[in-house]
Amino acid sequence: MFSGNVAEELSDLVNSSSEFLRYLNDLAARLGLDLVDLKADHIAVRCNQPATAERWKKGFLQHGVLFSEKEINGRPVALFELHEPLTVGPWQISVVELPWPGERVYRHEGWEHVEIVLPGDEEQLSARAIALMSDEGLSRPGISVKNSAPKGAGERLLNPTLAVSDGNVTIKFHPWSLKEVVESERAS
C-alpha cells in the first residue's frame, strides 16, 4: 500500500497491509462486488489504545497533512491527506481516517475499512449500494449489513452509511466524500 520509506510509527500498518488487502478482496468476491468501477474515498484504521492512535497520528503527519480533527460519535477523529496516495486494491487513496478508541474493543488494530462514494439521493443510498452486490453474497453466514448516520458538529450534509462486514474487514458506502462533508462544516 505504501511506497518508499515509511515512518517507523506506521510499521505495524505496513506489516498488516497484505492481510487487509486479502480480506478486502475476499469480502468483495463473496459479495459479488466489483471494486474496479467504484470510487474509494478513504481508508480507515481502528485501534484500542490512545497511545496507538497518537503514534499513528505522528506517523501520518510525516506522510501528509491533518485536514480535520473533531469529535464524532463521542470520540476524536483525525483525517489526513497523504502526499502520496496508498495503493489499495484497484484504487489510489490519499485520505486516511484515524478515530481514537471508543467503547468498542476491536479484534485487531490496523486497517479496518474502505469507504466508497455513491453520489445521489441520501435516502436511496442503501438501495444503490445493495444493488451492486449479489443477494447470495449478502445472505452468506457471517456477513453483517448495518445502516447508520454518523454526524459531527457543524456538518450540513446528510451522510448516511451502509456498512457491509465479515468481521475481518468492512466496506462502507456514503453519498458524499469526507472532503465534501468537511467543506460543508466550513460553509456554516
Protein backbone atom coordinates (compact mmCIF):
# COMPACT_ATOMS: atom_id res chain seq x y z
CA MET A 1 0.00 0.00 0.00
CA PHE A 2 2.76 2.44 0.93
CA SER A 3 5.54 3.24 -1.49
CA GLY A 4 9.02 4.30 -0.47
CA ASN A 5 10.25 4.84 3.07
CA VAL A 6 7.51 4.75 5.69
CA ALA A 7 7.58 6.35 9.13
CA GLU A 8 8.52 3.88 11.86
CA GLU A 9 5.33 4.81 13.72
CA LEU A 10 3.34 3.14 10.94
CA SER A 11 5.35 -0.11 10.72
CA ASP A 12 2.51 -2.23 12.12
CA LEU A 13 0.16 -0.83 9.45
CA VAL A 14 2.72 -1.61 6.74
CA ASN A 15 3.10 -5.16 8.08
CA SER A 16 -0.66 -5.77 8.07
CA SER A 17 -1.33 -4.28 4.61
CA SER A 18 -1.24 -7.53 2.64
CA GLU A 19 -3.60 -9.24 5.09
CA PHE A 20 -6.05 -6.31 4.85
CA LEU A 21 -5.96 -6.45 1.04
CA ARG A 22 -6.55 -10.20 1.09
CA TYR A 23 -9.56 -9.76 3.41
CA LEU A 24 -10.89 -6.88 1.27
CA ASN A 25 -10.66 -8.85 -1.97
CA ASP A 26 -12.18 -11.92 -0.33
CA LEU A 27 -15.15 -9.94 1.02
CA ALA A 28 -15.73 -8.25 -2.33
CA ALA A 29 -15.65 -11.63 -4.11
CA ARG A 30 -18.09 -13.17 -1.61
CA LEU A 31 -20.45 -10.22 -2.11
CA GLY A 32 -20.16 -10.31 -5.91
CA LEU A 33 -18.94 -6.70 -5.68
CA ASP A 34 -16.69 -5.41 -8.47
CA LEU A 35 -14.32 -2.92 -6.82
CA VAL A 36 -12.79 -1.67 -10.08
CA ASP A 37 -15.73 0.52 -11.08
CA LEU A 38 -16.24 2.03 -7.62
CA LYS A 39 -14.74 5.27 -6.28
CA ALA A 40 -12.94 4.73 -2.98
CA ASP A 41 -12.93 7.89 -0.90
CA HIS A 42 -10.77 6.90 2.05
CA ILE A 43 -9.36 4.11 4.16
CA ALA A 44 -9.72 3.88 7.93
CA VAL A 45 -7.83 2.32 10.79
CA ARG A 46 -9.04 1.14 14.20
CA CYS A 47 -7.15 0.86 17.47
CA ASN A 48 -7.87 0.01 21.10
CA GLN A 49 -5.29 2.19 22.85
CA PRO A 50 -4.99 6.01 22.77
CA ALA A 51 -1.19 5.57 22.62
CA THR A 52 -1.58 3.70 19.31
CA ALA A 53 -3.75 6.49 17.89
CA GLU A 54 -1.16 9.08 18.95
CA ARG A 55 1.67 7.04 17.40
CA TRP A 56 -0.23 6.62 14.13
CA LYS A 57 -1.11 10.32 14.08
CA LYS A 58 2.58 11.16 14.39
CA GLY A 59 3.36 8.75 11.54
CA PHE A 60 0.62 10.03 9.22
CA LEU A 61 1.79 13.61 9.83
CA GLN A 62 5.15 12.57 8.35
CA HIS A 63 3.35 11.47 5.16
CA GLY A 64 0.64 14.10 4.84
CA VAL A 65 -1.35 16.89 6.44
CA LEU A 66 -4.11 16.84 9.00
CA PHE A 67 -7.13 18.49 7.37
CA SER A 68 -9.73 17.83 10.05
CA GLU A 69 -9.80 16.74 13.66
CA LYS A 70 -13.05 16.77 15.60
CA GLU A 71 -15.29 14.74 17.84
CA ILE A 72 -17.69 12.38 16.09
CA ASN A 73 -19.93 9.99 18.00
CA GLY A 74 -18.14 10.84 21.24
CA ARG A 75 -14.52 10.37 20.19
CA PRO A 76 -11.87 12.34 18.29
CA VAL A 77 -11.42 11.54 14.62
CA ALA A 78 -8.43 12.80 12.62
CA LEU A 79 -8.43 12.99 8.81
CA PHE A 80 -5.20 13.09 6.83
CA GLU A 81 -4.47 13.94 3.21
CA LEU A 82 -1.38 11.95 2.24
CA HIS A 83 1.30 13.45 0.00
CA GLU A 84 1.42 10.17 -1.94
CA PRO A 85 -1.71 8.04 -2.20
CA LEU A 86 -1.85 4.49 -0.90
CA THR A 87 -2.41 1.71 -3.40
CA VAL A 88 -5.39 -0.23 -2.08
CA GLY A 89 -6.62 -2.89 -4.48
CA PRO A 90 -7.60 -1.08 -7.71
CA TRP A 91 -7.54 2.38 -6.07
CA GLN A 92 -5.17 5.18 -5.21
CA ILE A 93 -6.42 6.54 -1.87
CA SER A 94 -4.99 9.72 -0.39
CA VAL A 95 -7.30 10.20 2.63
CA VAL A 96 -6.90 8.27 5.89
CA GLU A 97 -9.40 8.32 8.76
CA LEU A 98 -7.98 7.78 12.26
CA PRO A 99 -10.57 7.55 15.05
CA TRP A 100 -9.41 7.40 18.65
CA PRO A 101 -10.57 4.37 20.62
CA GLY A 102 -14.11 4.37 21.95
CA GLU A 103 -16.10 1.87 23.98
CA ARG A 104 -15.76 -0.94 21.45
CA VAL A 105 -12.73 -3.23 21.57
CA TYR A 106 -11.57 -4.39 18.12
CA ARG A 107 -10.24 -7.89 17.36
CA HIS A 108 -7.21 -6.39 15.74
CA GLU A 109 -5.64 -2.97 15.49
CA GLY A 110 -4.91 -1.80 11.99
CA TRP A 111 -6.65 -1.20 8.68
CA GLU A 112 -10.38 -1.71 9.17
CA HIS A 113 -12.42 -0.42 6.24
CA VAL A 114 -12.60 1.41 2.95
CA GLU A 115 -15.37 3.84 2.14
CA ILE A 116 -16.97 4.08 -1.27
CA VAL A 117 -18.78 7.18 -2.54
CA LEU A 118 -22.09 6.54 -4.31
CA PRO A 119 -23.34 10.01 -5.26
CA GLY A 120 -27.05 10.62 -5.28
CA ASP A 121 -30.08 10.85 -3.04
CA GLU A 122 -29.06 10.18 0.57
CA GLU A 123 -32.30 8.32 1.29
CA GLN A 124 -31.63 5.87 -1.54
CA LEU A 125 -28.02 5.12 -0.56
CA SER A 126 -28.73 1.67 0.87
CA ALA A 127 -30.73 0.61 -2.18
CA ARG A 128 -27.96 1.82 -4.55
CA ALA A 129 -25.26 0.02 -2.56
CA ILE A 130 -27.20 -3.24 -2.15
CA ALA A 131 -27.94 -3.27 -5.89
CA LEU A 132 -24.17 -3.56 -6.51
CA MET A 133 -23.95 -6.83 -4.55
CA SER A 134 -25.43 -10.25 -5.11
CA ASP A 135 -28.35 -11.41 -2.98
CA GLU A 136 -26.45 -14.65 -2.39
CA GLY A 137 -23.39 -12.76 -1.14
CA LEU A 138 -25.37 -10.58 1.25
CA SER A 139 -27.14 -13.59 2.76
CA ARG A 140 -23.98 -15.62 3.44
CA PRO A 141 -23.30 -16.59 7.05
CA GLY A 142 -21.01 -14.13 8.81
CA ILE A 143 -21.93 -11.16 6.61
CA SER A 144 -23.45 -8.23 8.50
CA VAL A 145 -25.15 -5.20 6.98
CA LYS A 146 -25.64 -2.05 9.07
CA ASN A 147 -27.12 1.36 8.35
CA SER A 148 -26.01 4.36 10.40
CA ALA A 149 -25.75 8.13 10.19
CA PRO A 150 -22.60 9.44 11.95
CA LYS A 151 -22.58 13.19 12.35
CA GLY A 152 -20.03 15.68 13.56
CA ALA A 153 -20.73 19.14 14.93
CA GLY A 154 -21.41 21.65 12.17
CA GLU A 155 -21.91 19.11 9.39
CA ARG A 156 -24.58 20.28 6.98
CA LEU A 157 -24.67 17.27 4.65
CA LEU A 158 -26.65 14.18 5.48
CA ASN A 159 -24.09 11.41 5.13
CA PRO A 160 -25.72 8.07 5.87
CA THR A 161 -23.60 4.93 5.86
CA LEU A 162 -24.25 1.39 4.73
CA ALA A 163 -21.56 -0.90 6.15
CA VAL A 164 -21.05 -4.48 4.99
CA SER A 165 -18.63 -6.58 7.02
CA ASP A 166 -17.43 -10.12 7.56
CA GLY A 167 -15.76 -9.30 10.89
CA ASN A 168 -12.30 -9.01 9.32
CA VAL A 169 -12.83 -6.03 7.03
CA THR A 170 -15.66 -3.65 6.24
CA ILE A 171 -16.75 -1.90 3.05
CA LYS A 172 -18.78 1.24 3.71
CA PHE A 173 -20.86 3.29 1.32
CA HIS A 174 -21.64 7.03 1.59
CA PRO A 175 -23.26 9.59 -0.74
CA TRP A 176 -20.53 12.19 -0.01
CA SER A 177 -16.75 12.20 0.25
CA LEU A 178 -15.10 13.15 3.55
CA LYS A 179 -13.74 16.31 1.95
CA GLU A 180 -17.27 17.35 0.89
CA VAL A 181 -18.51 16.73 4.45
CA VAL A 182 -15.65 18.78 5.95
CA GLU A 183 -16.26 21.59 3.45
CA SER A 184 -19.94 21.66 4.44
CA GLU A 185 -18.83 22.38 8.01
CA ARG A 186 -16.77 25.33 6.88
CA ALA A 187 -19.70 26.74 4.90
CA SER A 188 -21.79 27.09 8.05
